[in-house]
Amino acid sequence: MTREPAAAQPQRASFAQTLRAVGASFFGVRGSSAHARDARQLHPLHVIVAGLLLAACFVLVLIFIVRAVVGA
């Protein structure tokens, strides 16, 4: 019996790479080739956590800006 080699698994992206990909997606500057690569490499749980973290940071920055402008 001969064993066929298992299909090569794409290397998973690190959490920092996931943060970069999600951050670029927030601004809408993701290219189609990067999107295809990310679909193969990014871990779904990392994407969810990164999205929540970046959304929370975005809201906090908006609150800070509003408070600075209003002077509260």
Protein backbone atom coordinates (compact mmCIF):
# COMPACT_ATOMS: atom_id res chain seq x y z
CA MET A 1 0.00 0.00 0.00
CA THR A 2 1.21 3.44 -0.82
CA ARG A 3 0.19 6.45 1.14
CA GLU A 4 -0.48 9.67 -0.65
CA PRO A 5 0.90 12.78 1.01
CA ALA A 6 -1.67 14.79 2.86
CA ALA A 7 -2.74 18.02 1.26
CA ALA A 8 -0.47 20.82 2.35
CA GLN A 9 -2.19 22.95 4.95
CA PRO A 10 -1.71 26.68 4.44
CA GLN A 11 0.29 28.28 7.19
CA ARG A 12 -1.94 30.06 9.70
CA ALA A 13 -1.51 33.79 10.14
CA SER A 14 -0.33 35.17 13.45
CA PHE A 15 -2.59 37.34 15.60
CA ALA A 16 -0.59 40.42 14.58
CA GLN A 17 -1.21 39.62 10.90
CA THR A 18 -4.89 39.17 11.72
CA LEU A 19 -4.99 42.59 13.41
CA ARG A 20 -3.38 44.14 10.35
CA ALA A 21 -5.87 42.47 8.00
CA VAL A 22 -8.89 43.45 10.10
CA GLY A 23 -7.57 47.00 10.49
CA ALA A 24 -7.18 47.35 6.73
CA SER A 25 -10.70 45.99 6.31
CA PHE A 26 -12.04 48.68 8.64
CA PHE A 27 -10.76 51.29 6.19
CA GLY A 28 -11.79 49.33 3.10
CA VAL A 29 -8.33 49.05 1.60
CA ARG A 30 -8.20 45.27 1.16
CA GLY A 31 -7.26 44.03 -2.30
CA SER A 32 -8.83 40.95 -3.83
CA SER A 33 -5.56 38.99 -3.76
CA ALA A 34 -5.06 39.83 -0.08
CA HIS A 35 -8.66 38.84 0.63
CA ALA A 36 -8.16 35.45 -1.04
CA ARG A 37 -4.92 34.87 0.88
CA ASP A 38 -6.55 35.87 4.16
CA ALA A 39 -9.47 33.52 3.54
CA ARG A 40 -6.99 30.65 3.50
CA GLN A 41 -4.74 31.76 6.36
CA LEU A 42 -6.73 33.67 8.97
CA HIS A 43 -8.23 31.82 11.91
CA PRO A 44 -11.92 32.75 12.33
CA LEU A 45 -11.69 33.14 16.10
CA HIS A 46 -8.74 35.53 15.71
CA VAL A 47 -10.75 37.59 13.22
CA ILE A 48 -13.68 37.88 15.65
CA VAL A 49 -11.46 38.86 18.59
CA ALA A 50 -9.48 41.35 16.47
CA GLY A 51 -12.69 42.88 15.14
CA LEU A 52 -14.10 43.33 18.62
CA LEU A 53 -10.85 44.85 19.91
CA LEU A 54 -10.51 47.26 17.01
CA ALA A 55 -14.18 48.24 17.19
CA ALA A 56 -13.80 48.97 20.92
CA CYS A 57 -10.69 51.07 20.23
CA PHE A 58 -12.56 52.94 17.49
CA VAL A 59 -15.45 53.75 19.83
CA LEU A 60 -13.06 54.89 22.58
CA VAL A 61 -11.22 57.17 20.15
CA LEU A 62 -14.54 58.68 19.01
CA ILE A 63 -15.57 59.28 22.62
CA PHE A 64 -12.21 60.94 23.33
CA ILE A 65 -12.52 63.19 20.26
CA VAL A 66 -16.08 64.23 21.14
CA ARG A 67 -15.13 65.01 24.74
CA ALA A 68 -12.12 67.02 23.58
CA VAL A 69 -14.20 69.05 21.13
CA VAL A 70 -17.14 69.62 23.44
CA GLY A 71 -14.87 70.35 26.38
CA ALA A 72 -16.60 68.13 28.87
